[in-house]
């Protein structure tokens, strides 16, 4: 029987003498924070047509309503993880949640497209500070072993459920109130979680208050954002135009400069030595590939349901409820399978199941029936996503030193989210190239179907990578 890799407990430096709260309270607060930040990746999807009509956004502008959040989220998550290690996980949880909640209020009250995009960027920054702390707070509160595996699975399921529930929540709010409430709903929820965290979380950190690498965070965020912008430009300008090549080259140069800075600074944001760990490097690449395909599923399924099949926002959200349940089931089943067949094999199984769903979805037609065009392929895609996410997260974080728990948690979240942001930009370009500007249901369906075929191919490539590179058992150094 293969032993299941587990997260090492962070060597906390207690900075509060209050007694520790019940474990279930800590897990609930951590999961609530994770639910909010993941929900906001997908909740806006069903509101995009309403946002476009109300604020006069262009088609690329709609992409940036999603990507501005995810790029800021992914780009600053390493900074958020390191800040939690050095300055306190509870402190960063509170700061991130407060920033996220205030930005949600600003976005919900936006009167111009640029105001909405700015608010989404600040939301992403708050999420980047908050998200790594949710995992490290949870793993610090739960002892190693089966209990922690279940806690991680719950955290993964809640995160997956947040992404999956976004369509339903957004549909209910848009149909019942307005698109603004997909953002404003975060305000009362965020306030409740904030009060709970103030009352019950106990502060602790694994560092000594050293400075953090702000130049590194700015470089990696600017590099990733510039790359994504260059990819989006291909939709209108093509791959060989200066408008595309210049930002692509600039983004690559900024990423290269980030690597140089990290190699030379005394306190790097992302110590490059981490990537010598086979578990860290392989799991993060696998998570990036899976995220690049699976993140797009919600975006394009929502557009297909509304733009092709004529569903209302609420109907589109309801149509994805079975998928929402599937990702939660997959996340809860994964830790039961991992000790039996090994985490690598569970991750591979999940990617294969998802790839089958993507292949099925790619057969979509302009007059598809709900069961075969949305429900069953969606269940396969998200069941596979749930099965693969938990073992990849466990493998990626099992090799971390105690003082790097927050950093490695931020890194695996960054890989998943940045994979999603880059993947959405690429897939949107692929869909637009296939439709050639046509907006008929048949043309849109051809573009969406090509996206799902491409996503299935990416997942199969990820399966090969996992079989070759992921460690078979516990994390190791090669």
Protein backbone atom coordinates (compact mmCIF):
# COMPACT_ATOMS: atom_id res chain seq x y z
CA UNK A 1 0.00 0.00 0.00
CA UNK A 2 1.43 3.37 -0.99
CA UNK A 3 1.63 5.82 1.91
CA UNK A 4 -0.26 8.99 1.24
CA UNK A 5 1.83 12.16 1.11
CA UNK A 6 0.79 14.73 3.65
CA UNK A 7 1.51 18.36 4.30
CA UNK A 8 4.11 18.97 6.95
CA UNK A 9 2.85 20.94 9.85
CA UNK A 10 4.14 24.48 9.82
CA UNK A 11 6.45 25.19 12.74
CA UNK A 12 4.30 27.96 14.13
CA UNK A 13 5.69 30.69 16.32
CA UNK A 14 2.73 31.46 18.58
CA UNK A 15 2.02 35.16 18.93
CA UNK A 16 -1.20 34.83 20.89
CA UNK A 17 -1.81 33.24 24.28
CA UNK A 18 -5.49 32.63 23.66
CA UNK A 19 -6.51 28.98 23.71
CA UNK A 20 -6.83 27.36 20.31
CA UNK A 21 -10.41 27.27 18.98
CA UNK A 22 -12.10 23.97 18.08
CA UNK A 23 -10.59 22.46 14.95
CA UNK A 24 -13.89 22.49 13.09
CA UNK A 25 -14.16 26.25 13.55
CA UNK A 26 -10.72 26.78 12.02
CA UNK A 27 -11.52 24.46 9.11
CA UNK A 28 -14.87 26.21 8.54
CA UNK A 29 -13.30 29.68 8.46
CA UNK A 30 -10.48 28.57 6.19
CA UNK A 31 -12.90 26.91 3.80
CA UNK A 32 -15.21 29.94 3.82
CA UNK A 33 -12.32 32.16 2.76
CA UNK A 34 -11.34 29.73 0.01
CA UNK A 35 -14.94 29.45 -1.17
CA UNK A 36 -15.23 33.21 -1.62
CA UNK A 37 -12.06 33.68 -3.65
CA UNK A 38 -12.77 30.71 -5.94
CA UNK A 39 -16.44 31.63 -6.32
CA UNK A 40 -15.43 34.98 -7.75
CA UNK A 41 -13.43 33.35 -10.52
CA UNK A 42 -16.61 31.93 -12.03
CA UNK A 43 -19.59 33.79 -10.56
CA UNK A 44 -19.28 36.62 -13.09
CA UNK A 45 -19.65 34.29 -16.08
CA UNK A 46 -23.44 34.31 -16.11
CA UNK A 47 -23.41 38.10 -15.58
CA UNK A 48 -21.13 38.89 -18.54
CA UNK A 49 -23.91 39.58 -21.08
CA UNK A 50 -25.62 41.92 -18.59
CA UNK A 51 -22.34 43.67 -17.78
CA UNK A 52 -21.66 44.18 -21.46
CA UNK A 53 -25.09 45.74 -22.07
CA UNK A 54 -24.96 47.96 -18.98
CA UNK A 55 -21.36 49.18 -19.16
CA UNK A 56 -20.73 48.97 -22.92
CA UNK A 57 -17.87 46.47 -22.66
CA UNK A 58 -16.32 44.96 -25.78
CA UNK A 59 -15.84 41.21 -26.28
CA UNK A 60 -12.15 41.41 -25.20
CA UNK A 61 -13.35 43.54 -22.29
CA UNK A 62 -15.55 40.68 -21.12
CA UNK A 63 -12.51 38.39 -21.06
CA UNK A 64 -10.73 40.93 -18.90
CA UNK A 65 -13.56 41.00 -16.37
CA UNK A 66 -12.49 37.40 -15.69
CA UNK A 67 -8.78 37.66 -16.44
CA UNK A 68 -8.07 40.88 -14.52
CA UNK A 69 -9.13 39.04 -11.37
CA UNK A 70 -7.35 35.78 -12.12
CA UNK A 71 -4.08 37.42 -13.21
CA UNK A 72 -3.88 39.62 -10.11
CA UNK A 73 -4.91 36.60 -8.03
CA UNK A 74 -2.24 34.34 -9.50
CA UNK A 75 0.48 36.96 -9.83
CA UNK A 76 0.41 38.11 -6.23
CA UNK A 77 -0.33 34.74 -4.61
CA UNK A 78 3.34 33.94 -4.08
CA UNK A 79 3.67 37.27 -2.27
CA UNK A 80 0.59 36.45 -0.19
CA UNK A 81 1.95 33.04 0.75
CA UNK A 82 5.35 34.40 1.78
CA UNK A 83 3.76 37.27 3.72
CA UNK A 84 1.72 34.76 5.70
CA UNK A 85 4.86 32.78 6.55
CA UNK A 86 6.72 35.88 7.73
CA UNK A 87 4.11 38.18 9.23
CA UNK A 88 1.33 35.90 10.42
CA UNK A 89 -1.31 33.78 8.72
CA UNK A 90 -4.23 35.28 10.65
CA UNK A 91 -3.04 38.81 9.89
CA UNK A 92 -2.79 38.09 6.17
CA UNK A 93 -6.16 36.31 6.23
CA UNK A 94 -7.79 39.40 7.72
CA UNK A 95 -6.02 41.88 5.41
CA UNK A 96 -6.77 39.84 2.31
CA UNK A 97 -10.43 39.31 3.23
CA UNK A 98 -10.95 43.00 4.07
CA UNK A 99 -9.38 44.08 0.76
CA UNK A 100 -11.43 41.53 -1.16
CA UNK A 101 -14.68 42.63 0.50
CA UNK A 102 -14.10 46.36 -0.09
CA UNK A 103 -13.16 45.75 -3.73
CA UNK A 104 -16.34 43.70 -4.17
CA UNK A 105 -18.33 46.68 -2.96
CA UNK A 106 -16.52 49.00 -5.38
CA UNK A 107 -17.08 46.61 -8.30
CA UNK A 108 -20.77 46.26 -7.54
CA UNK A 109 -21.16 50.04 -7.59
CA UNK A 110 -19.06 50.59 -10.77
CA UNK A 111 -20.53 52.96 -13.37
CA UNK A 112 -17.88 52.54 -16.07
CA UNK A 113 -16.11 49.53 -17.52
CA UNK A 114 -12.69 50.68 -16.30
CA UNK A 115 -14.03 51.02 -12.76
CA UNK A 116 -15.24 47.43 -12.83
CA UNK A 117 -11.89 46.17 -14.17
CA UNK A 118 -9.97 48.15 -11.52
CA UNK A 119 -12.16 46.72 -8.76
CA UNK A 120 -11.66 43.21 -10.13
CA UNK A 121 -7.89 43.71 -10.04
CA UNK A 122 -8.01 44.80 -6.38
CA UNK A 123 -10.30 41.86 -5.65
CA UNK A 124 -7.66 39.58 -7.14
CA UNK A 125 -4.96 41.15 -4.99
CA UNK A 126 -7.05 40.60 -1.86
CA UNK A 127 -7.73 37.01 -2.90
CA UNK A 128 -4.00 36.45 -3.44
CA UNK A 129 -3.25 37.53 0.13
CA UNK A 130 -6.15 35.52 1.55
CA UNK A 131 -5.99 32.20 -0.32
CA UNK A 132 -2.56 30.84 0.76
CA UNK A 133 -3.39 31.55 4.40
CA UNK A 134 -6.55 29.44 4.18
CA UNK A 135 -4.54 26.28 3.48
CA UNK A 136 -1.72 26.94 5.94
CA UNK A 137 -4.16 27.87 8.73
CA UNK A 138 -6.03 24.62 8.08
CA UNK A 139 -2.95 22.38 7.97
CA UNK A 140 -1.50 24.01 11.09
CA UNK A 141 -4.69 23.22 13.01
CA UNK A 142 -5.12 19.58 11.92
CA UNK A 143 -2.60 16.88 12.87
CA UNK A 144 -0.81 14.93 10.16
CA UNK A 145 -2.43 11.75 8.93
CA UNK A 146 -5.94 10.79 7.92
CA UNK A 147 -7.55 13.77 9.65
CA UNK A 148 -5.44 16.22 7.67
CA UNK A 149 -6.09 14.35 4.44
CA UNK A 150 -9.82 14.72 5.06
CA UNK A 151 -9.38 18.41 5.88
CA UNK A 152 -7.43 19.01 2.66
CA UNK A 153 -10.09 17.13 0.73
CA UNK A 154 -12.77 19.33 2.31
CA UNK A 155 -10.79 22.46 1.41
CA UNK A 156 -10.38 21.19 -2.16
CA UNK A 157 -14.05 20.28 -2.42
CA UNK A 158 -15.12 23.69 -1.12
CA UNK A 159 -12.79 25.39 -3.58
CA UNK A 160 -14.07 23.26 -6.43
CA UNK A 161 -17.61 23.79 -5.26
CA UNK A 162 -17.05 27.54 -5.22
CA UNK A 163 -16.00 27.49 -8.85
CA UNK A 164 -18.85 25.17 -9.74
CA UNK A 165 -21.49 27.06 -7.76
CA UNK A 166 -20.54 30.34 -9.42
CA UNK A 167 -22.84 29.68 -12.37
CA UNK A 168 -25.86 28.94 -10.20
CA UNK A 169 -25.23 31.78 -7.74
CA UNK A 170 -24.62 34.21 -10.57
CA UNK A 171 -27.73 33.09 -12.42
CA UNK A 172 -29.97 33.49 -9.39
CA UNK A 173 -28.59 36.94 -8.61
CA UNK A 174 -28.66 38.24 -12.19
CA UNK A 175 -32.21 37.01 -12.83
CA UNK A 176 -33.56 38.01 -9.43
CA UNK A 177 -31.69 41.28 -8.85
CA UNK A 178 -28.97 42.50 -11.24
CA UNK A 179 -25.42 41.71 -12.32
CA UNK A 180 -24.13 44.01 -9.58
CA UNK A 181 -25.15 41.52 -6.90
CA UNK A 182 -22.68 38.89 -8.12
CA UNK A 183 -20.12 41.22 -6.50
CA UNK A 184 -22.18 42.86 -3.76
CA UNK A 185 -23.12 39.47 -2.27
CA UNK A 186 -19.50 39.16 -1.12
CA UNK A 187 -19.86 42.14 1.22
CA UNK A 188 -22.15 40.66 3.92
CA UNK A 189 -20.54 37.22 3.63
CA UNK A 190 -17.04 38.69 3.84
CA UNK A 191 -18.04 40.75 6.87
CA UNK A 192 -19.35 37.69 8.73
CA UNK A 193 -16.21 35.65 7.99
CA UNK A 194 -14.04 38.62 8.99
CA UNK A 195 -15.72 38.86 12.39
CA UNK A 196 -15.42 35.10 12.89
CA UNK A 197 -11.71 35.18 12.04
CA UNK A 198 -11.11 38.07 14.44
CA UNK A 199 -12.85 36.23 17.26
CA UNK A 200 -11.64 32.65 16.79
CA UNK A 201 -8.43 32.39 14.79
CA UNK A 202 -5.19 32.29 16.74
CA UNK A 203 -2.18 34.05 15.25
CA UNK A 204 0.95 32.17 14.38
CA UNK A 205 3.76 32.44 11.90
CA UNK A 206 6.74 30.41 10.79
CA UNK A 207 9.07 33.28 10.00
CA UNK A 208 10.92 36.03 11.80
CA UNK A 209 9.46 39.18 10.31
CA UNK A 210 12.04 39.59 7.53
CA UNK A 211 11.22 41.74 4.52
CA UNK A 212 9.43 40.22 1.56
CA UNK A 213 10.44 40.38 -2.06
CA UNK A 214 8.14 43.06 -3.45
CA UNK A 215 10.19 43.59 -6.66
CA UNK A 216 9.83 39.88 -7.42
CA UNK A 217 6.06 40.02 -6.93
CA UNK A 218 5.71 43.03 -9.21
CA UNK A 219 7.89 41.46 -11.90
CA UNK A 220 6.08 38.12 -11.99
CA UNK A 221 2.66 39.78 -11.96
CA UNK A 222 3.58 42.25 -14.70
CA UNK A 223 5.13 39.46 -16.76
CA UNK A 224 2.12 37.17 -16.52
CA UNK A 225 -0.34 40.01 -17.19
CA UNK A 226 1.64 41.17 -20.23
CA UNK A 227 1.79 37.64 -21.62
CA UNK A 228 -1.97 37.26 -21.19
CA UNK A 229 -2.56 40.62 -22.88
CA UNK A 230 -0.42 39.55 -25.84
CA UNK A 231 -2.40 36.34 -26.19
CA UNK A 232 -5.71 38.23 -26.08
CA UNK A 233 -4.40 40.57 -28.82
CA UNK A 234 -4.09 37.63 -31.22
CA UNK A 235 -7.89 37.50 -31.48
CA UNK A 236 -7.99 40.87 -33.26
CA UNK A 237 -4.45 41.30 -34.60
CA UNK A 238 -3.17 37.79 -35.34
CA UNK A 239 -0.01 36.08 -34.08
CA UNK A 240 2.50 37.91 -36.32
CA UNK A 241 1.49 41.54 -35.72
CA UNK A 242 3.54 43.96 -33.65
CA UNK A 243 0.56 44.49 -31.36
CA UNK A 244 0.84 40.81 -30.40
CA UNK A 245 4.58 40.14 -30.59
CA UNK A 246 5.65 43.15 -28.52
CA UNK A 247 3.63 42.27 -25.38
CA UNK A 248 4.51 38.59 -25.74
CA UNK A 249 8.22 39.42 -25.90
CA UNK A 250 7.90 41.94 -23.06
CA UNK A 251 6.08 39.41 -20.89
CA UNK A 252 8.73 36.76 -21.51
CA UNK A 253 11.47 39.30 -20.70
CA UNK A 254 9.79 40.27 -17.44
CA UNK A 255 9.46 36.61 -16.42
CA UNK A 256 13.15 36.10 -17.26
CA UNK A 257 14.07 39.14 -15.18
CA UNK A 258 12.00 37.75 -12.32
CA UNK A 259 14.00 34.51 -12.42
CA UNK A 260 17.27 36.49 -12.35
CA UNK A 261 16.10 38.57 -9.39
CA UNK A 262 15.03 35.44 -7.50
CA UNK A 263 18.43 33.84 -8.11
CA UNK A 264 20.28 36.84 -6.69
CA UNK A 265 18.18 38.20 -3.84
CA UNK A 266 18.87 37.08 -0.29
CA UNK A 267 15.20 36.63 0.56
CA UNK A 268 13.52 35.52 -2.68
CA UNK A 269 9.80 35.46 -3.16
CA UNK A 270 10.13 32.06 -4.83
CA UNK A 271 13.33 30.20 -3.86
CA UNK A 272 14.38 28.44 -7.05
CA UNK A 273 15.73 25.53 -4.99
CA UNK A 274 12.11 24.48 -4.44
CA UNK A 275 11.96 23.29 -8.04
CA UNK A 276 14.71 20.77 -7.35
CA UNK A 277 12.05 18.87 -5.46
CA UNK A 278 10.49 16.52 -7.96
CA UNK A 279 7.16 16.62 -6.15
CA UNK A 280 6.99 20.42 -6.26
CA UNK A 281 8.06 20.92 -9.87
CA UNK A 282 6.08 18.05 -11.41
CA UNK A 283 2.86 18.68 -9.48
CA UNK A 284 2.91 22.40 -10.27
CA UNK A 285 3.39 21.82 -14.00
CA UNK A 286 0.61 19.23 -13.95
CA UNK A 287 -1.67 21.61 -12.04
CA UNK A 288 -0.92 24.37 -14.56
CA UNK A 289 -1.91 22.13 -17.48
CA UNK A 290 -5.06 20.86 -15.78
CA UNK A 291 -6.05 24.36 -14.77
CA UNK A 292 -5.54 25.72 -18.28
CA UNK A 293 -8.14 23.27 -19.60
CA UNK A 294 -10.59 22.89 -16.71
CA UNK A 295 -10.93 26.57 -15.83
CA UNK A 296 -12.25 27.29 -19.33
CA UNK A 297 -15.05 24.75 -18.93
CA UNK A 298 -17.26 27.06 -16.86
CA UNK A 299 -16.71 30.05 -19.14
CA UNK A 300 -17.54 28.29 -22.40
CA UNK A 301 -20.31 26.09 -21.02
CA UNK A 302 -22.08 29.21 -19.73
CA UNK A 303 -21.66 30.99 -23.08
CA UNK A 304 -22.88 27.89 -24.95
CA UNK A 305 -25.97 27.59 -22.75
CA UNK A 306 -26.92 31.27 -23.08
CA UNK A 307 -25.65 32.30 -26.54
CA UNK A 308 -26.48 29.07 -28.42
CA UNK A 309 -29.19 27.20 -26.54
CA UNK A 310 -30.97 30.34 -25.37
CA UNK A 311 -30.89 29.63 -21.62
CA UNK A 312 -31.49 32.48 -19.18
CA UNK A 313 -28.73 33.24 -16.64
CA UNK A 314 -30.65 31.29 -13.99
CA UNK A 315 -31.28 28.35 -16.30
CA UNK A 316 -27.60 28.29 -17.26
CA UNK A 317 -26.63 28.20 -13.59
CA UNK A 318 -29.10 25.43 -12.83
CA UNK A 319 -27.84 23.44 -15.81
CA UNK A 320 -24.40 23.24 -14.20
CA UNK A 321 -25.58 22.10 -10.77
CA UNK A 322 -24.80 18.39 -11.48
CA UNK A 323 -21.28 19.42 -12.45
CA UNK A 324 -21.01 21.34 -9.19
CA UNK A 325 -21.91 18.22 -7.25
CA UNK A 326 -19.52 16.10 -9.31
CA UNK A 327 -16.46 18.19 -8.46
CA UNK A 328 -17.31 17.94 -4.75
CA UNK A 329 -17.77 14.16 -4.99
CA UNK A 330 -14.48 13.78 -6.83
CA UNK A 331 -12.66 15.84 -4.20
CA UNK A 332 -14.08 13.71 -1.36
CA UNK A 333 -13.42 10.38 -3.08
CA UNK A 334 -9.80 11.20 -3.93
CA UNK A 335 -8.34 10.92 -0.39
CA UNK A 336 -9.98 7.49 -0.01
CA UNK A 337 -8.31 6.26 -3.18
CA UNK A 338 -4.88 7.80 -2.57
CA UNK A 339 -3.71 5.37 0.15
CA UNK A 340 -4.90 2.43 -1.96
CA UNK A 341 -3.59 3.19 -5.46
CA UNK A 342 -1.24 6.10 -4.80
CA UNK A 343 -1.66 9.84 -5.35
CA UNK A 344 -0.06 9.79 -8.80
CA UNK A 345 -2.53 7.21 -10.10
CA UNK A 346 -5.50 9.11 -8.67
CA UNK A 347 -4.32 12.30 -10.40
CA UNK A 348 -3.93 10.40 -13.68
CA UNK A 349 -7.37 8.83 -13.31
CA UNK A 350 -8.91 12.24 -12.71
CA UNK A 351 -7.27 13.75 -15.79
CA UNK A 352 -8.42 10.82 -17.95
CA UNK A 353 -12.02 11.12 -16.72
CA UNK A 354 -11.96 14.85 -17.40
CA UNK A 355 -10.46 14.32 -20.86
CA UNK A 356 -13.30 11.93 -21.69
CA UNK A 357 -15.77 14.62 -20.67
CA UNK A 358 -14.00 17.21 -22.82
CA UNK A 359 -14.09 14.84 -25.77
CA UNK A 360 -17.81 14.26 -25.30
CA UNK A 361 -18.46 17.98 -24.93
CA UNK A 362 -16.63 18.65 -28.21
CA UNK A 363 -19.46 16.84 -30.06
CA UNK A 364 -21.87 19.64 -29.06
CA UNK A 365 -24.37 20.92 -31.63
CA UNK A 366 -26.39 24.11 -32.01
CA UNK A 367 -29.57 22.29 -30.98
CA UNK A 368 -28.08 19.96 -28.36
CA UNK A 369 -30.22 18.28 -25.72
CA UNK A 370 -29.47 19.14 -22.10
CA UNK A 371 -28.56 15.61 -20.96
CA UNK A 372 -26.01 14.90 -23.70
CA UNK A 373 -24.83 18.44 -24.49
CA UNK A 374 -24.34 19.77 -20.95
CA UNK A 375 -25.15 17.48 -18.04
CA UNK A 376 -23.30 14.19 -18.65
CA UNK A 377 -20.14 15.63 -20.22
CA UNK A 378 -20.08 18.31 -17.53
CA UNK A 379 -20.26 15.67 -14.80
CA UNK A 380 -17.29 13.81 -16.29
CA UNK A 381 -15.22 16.96 -16.66
CA UNK A 382 -15.77 18.11 -13.10
CA UNK A 383 -15.59 14.66 -11.51
CA UNK A 384 -12.15 14.39 -13.09
CA UNK A 385 -11.22 17.86 -11.86
CA UNK A 386 -12.11 16.92 -8.29
CA UNK A 387 -10.22 13.64 -8.45
CA UNK A 388 -7.02 15.22 -9.76
CA UNK A 389 -6.82 18.39 -7.65
CA UNK A 390 -6.45 16.80 -4.20
CA UNK A 391 -3.51 14.46 -4.98
CA UNK A 392 -1.70 17.16 -6.96
CA UNK A 393 -2.06 19.62 -4.06
CA UNK A 394 -0.88 16.99 -1.58
CA UNK A 395 2.14 16.03 -3.70
CA UNK A 396 3.11 19.64 -4.35
CA UNK A 397 3.08 20.61 -0.68
CA UNK A 398 4.39 17.41 0.92
CA UNK A 399 8.03 18.28 0.29
CA UNK A 400 7.91 21.77 1.79
CA UNK A 401 10.06 22.81 4.71
CA UNK A 402 8.03 24.08 7.70
CA UNK A 403 8.95 27.72 7.05
CA UNK A 404 7.88 27.47 3.40
CA UNK A 405 4.38 26.04 3.91
CA UNK A 406 2.62 29.25 2.91
CA UNK A 407 4.91 29.80 -0.05
CA UNK A 408 4.35 26.32 -1.48
CA UNK A 409 0.61 26.58 -0.88
CA UNK A 410 0.66 29.86 -2.77
CA UNK A 411 2.71 28.28 -5.56
CA UNK A 412 0.27 25.44 -6.24
CA UNK A 413 -2.65 27.89 -6.19
CA UNK A 414 -0.71 30.16 -8.55
CA UNK A 415 -0.11 27.30 -10.98
CA UNK A 416 -3.79 26.38 -11.08
CA UNK A 417 -5.07 29.96 -11.35
CA UNK A 418 -2.45 31.21 -13.79
CA UNK A 419 -2.98 28.14 -15.92
CA UNK A 420 -6.64 29.08 -15.99
CA UNK A 421 -5.96 32.71 -16.93
CA UNK A 422 -3.51 31.87 -19.72
CA UNK A 423 -5.72 28.97 -20.83
CA UNK A 424 -8.78 31.20 -21.08
CA UNK A 425 -6.88 33.72 -23.18
CA UNK A 426 -5.61 31.02 -25.54
CA UNK A 427 -8.95 29.20 -25.78
CA UNK A 428 -10.86 32.42 -26.42
CA UNK A 429 -8.47 33.16 -29.28
CA UNK A 430 -8.97 29.65 -30.68
CA UNK A 431 -12.75 30.01 -30.53
CA UNK A 432 -12.67 33.44 -32.18
CA UNK A 433 -10.38 32.21 -34.95
CA UNK A 434 -12.76 29.36 -35.74
CA UNK A 435 -15.91 31.53 -35.79
CA UNK A 436 -14.23 34.23 -37.88
CA UNK A 437 -16.45 36.91 -36.40
CA UNK A 438 -19.72 35.10 -37.12
CA UNK A 439 -22.29 35.10 -34.32
CA UNK A 440 -24.78 32.50 -35.55
CA UNK A 441 -25.48 29.61 -33.16
CA UNK A 442 -23.80 27.18 -35.59
CA UNK A 443 -20.62 29.27 -35.85
CA UNK A 444 -20.39 29.81 -32.11
CA UNK A 445 -20.87 26.09 -31.52
CA UNK A 446 -17.99 25.25 -33.87
CA UNK A 447 -15.73 27.61 -31.95
CA UNK A 448 -16.74 26.24 -28.55
CA UNK A 449 -16.40 22.64 -29.76
CA UNK A 450 -12.84 23.33 -30.92
CA UNK A 451 -12.04 24.71 -27.48
CA UNK A 452 -13.18 21.49 -25.81
CA UNK A 453 -11.22 19.33 -28.28
CA UNK A 454 -8.13 21.40 -27.53
CA UNK A 455 -8.73 21.14 -23.78
CA UNK A 456 -9.04 17.37 -24.05
CA UNK A 457 -5.71 17.24 -25.87
CA UNK A 458 -4.06 19.36 -23.16
CA UNK A 459 -5.36 16.98 -20.47
CA UNK A 460 -4.04 13.93 -22.31
CA UNK A 461 -0.66 15.64 -22.50
CA UNK A 462 -0.92 16.20 -18.76
CA UNK A 463 -1.59 12.48 -18.25
CA UNK A 464 1.65 11.61 -20.04
CA UNK A 465 3.54 14.16 -17.95
CA UNK A 466 2.11 12.78 -14.69
CA UNK A 467 2.99 9.19 -15.56
CA UNK A 468 6.57 10.13 -16.40
CA UNK A 469 7.34 12.81 -13.84
CA UNK A 470 5.13 12.65 -10.75
CA UNK A 471 6.68 10.65 -7.88
CA UNK A 472 4.99 7.33 -7.18
CA UNK A 473 4.76 7.73 -3.43
CA UNK A 474 5.81 10.37 -0.97
CA UNK A 475 7.49 13.47 -2.27
CA UNK A 476 11.11 13.20 -2.95
CA UNK A 477 13.98 14.98 -4.52
CA UNK A 478 13.98 13.23 -7.81
